[in-house]
Amino acid sequence: MPYHWWTPLFDSLAALGIEPHEVVQVLRYAYRLPVPASTDLGPALTIWGRTRNGRGLVVLVRPLGGFDHQIIGVREMTTAEDALMTNHETRKKEQ
C-alpha cells in the first residue's frame, strides 16, 4: 500500500518528537492493528503499531484512491491503547 505524507504533518513531526522512519516502521509492523476512524475529510484508518525500539504509535491515514493512502496524523499510544496493543500482539503471535 503506497503512503504519501501530508506536508504539514511531515513538517511538524520534529515538534511532536517523532521521526519519519518511526512512522514507516509502524506502518510496516508485522503485528499492526488497523482500527477504522473518521475525520472531517471522510473515512480514515488508524494503524496501531510499534517501532523497532518498541515505541507505540497510532498513525492516522486516509484513502486517496486505489491502494494509496495519505498519512495525516500520528501520536503516542495512550496507556490503555498500549495495553490493548499488547493483548493484540500476544494473540497474533500465538496464531
C-alpha atoms as a PDB file:
ATOM      1  CA  MET A   1       0.000   0.000   0.000  1.00  0.00           C
ATOM      2  CA  PRO A   2       1.644   3.275  -1.081  1.00  0.00           C
ATOM      3  CA  TYR A   3       1.679   6.012   1.552  1.00  0.00           C
ATOM      4  CA  HIS A   4       2.009   9.732   0.899  1.00  0.00           C
ATOM      5  CA  TRP A   5       2.818  12.321   3.550  1.00  0.00           C
ATOM      6  CA  TRP A   6       0.507  15.230   4.233  1.00  0.00           C
ATOM      7  CA  THR A   7       3.111  18.014   4.073  1.00  0.00           C
ATOM      8  CA  PRO A   8       2.010  19.957   7.208  1.00  0.00           C
ATOM      9  CA  LEU A   9       2.296  16.758   9.278  1.00  0.00           C
ATOM     10  CA  PHE A  10       5.694  15.849   7.862  1.00  0.00           C
ATOM     11  CA  ASP A  11       6.936  19.370   8.584  1.00  0.00           C
ATOM     12  CA  SER A  12       5.728  19.180  12.209  1.00  0.00           C
ATOM     13  CA  LEU A  13       6.992  15.707  13.165  1.00  0.00           C
ATOM     14  CA  ALA A  14      10.080  17.035  14.948  1.00  0.00           C
ATOM     15  CA  ALA A  15       7.884  19.193  17.185  1.00  0.00           C
ATOM     16  CA  LEU A  16       5.941  16.038  18.079  1.00  0.00           C
ATOM     17  CA  GLY A  17       9.167  14.215  18.928  1.00  0.00           C
ATOM     18  CA  ILE A  18       8.515  11.616  16.233  1.00  0.00           C
ATOM     19  CA  GLU A  19      10.873  10.692  13.406  1.00  0.00           C
ATOM     20  CA  PRO A  20       9.563   9.893   9.896  1.00  0.00           C
ATOM     21  CA  HIS A  21      11.239   6.476   9.956  1.00  0.00           C
ATOM     22  CA  GLU A  22       9.303   5.612  13.131  1.00  0.00           C
ATOM     23  CA  VAL A  23       6.007   6.222  11.308  1.00  0.00           C
ATOM     24  CA  VAL A  24       7.136   3.975   8.458  1.00  0.00           C
ATOM     25  CA  GLN A  25       8.168   1.268  10.948  1.00  0.00           C
ATOM     26  CA  VAL A  26       4.669   1.306  12.471  1.00  0.00           C
ATOM     27  CA  LEU A  27       3.050   1.052   9.034  1.00  0.00           C
ATOM     28  CA  ARG A  28       5.224  -1.997   8.264  1.00  0.00           C
ATOM     29  CA  TYR A  29       4.971  -3.598  11.709  1.00  0.00           C
ATOM     30  CA  ALA A  30       4.107  -7.302  11.475  1.00  0.00           C
ATOM     31  CA  TYR A  31       1.500  -7.117  14.256  1.00  0.00           C
ATOM     32  CA  ARG A  32      -0.019  -3.731  13.384  1.00  0.00           C
ATOM     33  CA  LEU A  33      -3.665  -3.208  14.257  1.00  0.00           C
ATOM     34  CA  PRO A  34      -5.894  -1.310  11.816  1.00  0.00           C
ATOM     35  CA  VAL A  35      -8.789   0.494  13.507  1.00  0.00           C
ATOM     36  CA  PRO A  36     -11.482   2.274  11.449  1.00  0.00           C
ATOM     37  CA  ALA A  37     -11.795   6.002  12.088  1.00  0.00           C
ATOM     38  CA  SER A  38     -13.356   9.066  10.540  1.00  0.00           C
ATOM     39  CA  THR A  39     -12.237  12.642  10.021  1.00  0.00           C
ATOM     40  CA  ASP A  40     -13.756  15.848   8.689  1.00  0.00           C
ATOM     41  CA  LEU A  41     -12.370  14.677   5.337  1.00  0.00           C
ATOM     42  CA  GLY A  42     -14.276  11.385   5.485  1.00  0.00           C
ATOM     43  CA  PRO A  43     -13.360   7.797   6.335  1.00  0.00           C
ATOM     44  CA  ALA A  44      -9.926   7.071   7.686  1.00  0.00           C
ATOM     45  CA  LEU A  45      -7.954   4.346   9.391  1.00  0.00           C
ATOM     46  CA  THR A  46      -5.714   4.372  12.423  1.00  0.00           C
ATOM     47  CA  ILE A  47      -2.798   1.965  12.329  1.00  0.00           C
ATOM     48  CA  TRP A  48      -1.580   0.964  15.764  1.00  0.00           C
ATOM     49  CA  GLY A  49       1.908  -0.456  15.965  1.00  0.00           C
ATOM     50  CA  ARG A  50       5.404  -0.299  17.348  1.00  0.00           C
ATOM     51  CA  THR A  51       8.727   0.998  16.174  1.00  0.00           C
ATOM     52  CA  ARG A  52      11.806  -1.230  16.229  1.00  0.00           C
ATOM     53  CA  ASN A  53      12.548   0.232  19.674  1.00  0.00           C
ATOM     54  CA  GLY A  54       9.085  -0.759  20.942  1.00  0.00           C
ATOM     55  CA  ARG A  55       7.607   2.734  20.922  1.00  0.00           C
ATOM     56  CA  GLY A  56       3.836   2.532  20.497  1.00  0.00           C
ATOM     57  CA  LEU A  57       2.395   4.944  17.933  1.00  0.00           C
ATOM     58  CA  VAL A  58      -1.015   5.467  16.355  1.00  0.00           C
ATOM     59  CA  VAL A  59      -0.825   6.611  12.724  1.00  0.00           C
ATOM     60  CA  LEU A  60      -3.869   8.147  11.016  1.00  0.00           C
ATOM     61  CA  VAL A  61      -4.229   7.597   7.267  1.00  0.00           C
ATOM     62  CA  ARG A  62      -6.956   8.416   4.793  1.00  0.00           C
ATOM     63  CA  PRO A  63      -7.642   6.719   1.465  1.00  0.00           C
ATOM     64  CA  LEU A  64      -6.690   8.612  -1.678  1.00  0.00           C
ATOM     65  CA  GLY A  65      -7.997   6.087  -4.180  1.00  0.00           C
ATOM     66  CA  GLY A  66      -6.919   2.653  -5.246  1.00  0.00           C
ATOM     67  CA  PHE A  67      -4.402   1.410  -2.706  1.00  0.00           C
ATOM     68  CA  ASP A  68      -2.896   4.849  -1.993  1.00  0.00           C
ATOM     69  CA  HIS A  69      -3.254   6.416   1.453  1.00  0.00           C
ATOM     70  CA  GLN A  70      -2.150   9.730   2.921  1.00  0.00           C
ATOM     71  CA  ILE A  71      -0.515   9.912   6.354  1.00  0.00           C
ATOM     72  CA  ILE A  72      -2.398  12.730   8.078  1.00  0.00           C
ATOM     73  CA  GLY A  73      -1.679  12.223  11.778  1.00  0.00           C
ATOM     74  CA  VAL A  74       0.469  10.441  14.334  1.00  0.00           C
ATOM     75  CA  ARG A  75       0.663  10.342  18.106  1.00  0.00           C
ATOM     76  CA  GLU A  76       1.904   8.252  21.009  1.00  0.00           C
ATOM     77  CA  MET A  77      -0.361   5.466  22.234  1.00  0.00           C
ATOM     78  CA  THR A  78      -2.156   6.051  25.499  1.00  0.00           C
ATOM     79  CA  THR A  79      -1.559   3.626  28.365  1.00  0.00           C
ATOM     80  CA  ALA A  80      -4.930   1.978  27.678  1.00  0.00           C
ATOM     81  CA  GLU A  81      -4.160   1.664  23.949  1.00  0.00           C
ATOM     82  CA  ASP A  82      -0.759   0.177  24.738  1.00  0.00           C
ATOM     83  CA  ALA A  83      -2.433  -2.489  26.893  1.00  0.00           C
ATOM     84  CA  LEU A  84      -4.877  -3.312  24.078  1.00  0.00           C
ATOM     85  CA  MET A  85      -1.994  -3.448  21.601  1.00  0.00           C
ATOM     86  CA  THR A  86      -0.009  -5.801  23.834  1.00  0.00           C
ATOM     87  CA  ASN A  87      -3.045  -8.084  24.032  1.00  0.00           C
ATOM     88  CA  HIS A  88      -3.436  -7.972  20.231  1.00  0.00           C
ATOM     89  CA  GLU A  89       0.263  -8.778  19.710  1.00  0.00           C
ATOM     90  CA  THR A  90       0.072 -11.738  22.093  1.00  0.00           C
ATOM     91  CA  ARG A  91      -2.950 -13.179  20.271  1.00  0.00           C
ATOM     92  CA  LYS A  92      -1.311 -12.709  16.853  1.00  0.00           C
ATOM     93  CA  LYS A  93       1.938 -14.334  17.968  1.00  0.00           C
ATOM     94  CA  GLU A  94       0.010 -17.374  19.238  1.00  0.00           C
ATOM     95  CA  GLN A  95      -1.667 -17.945  15.859  1.00  0.00           C
END
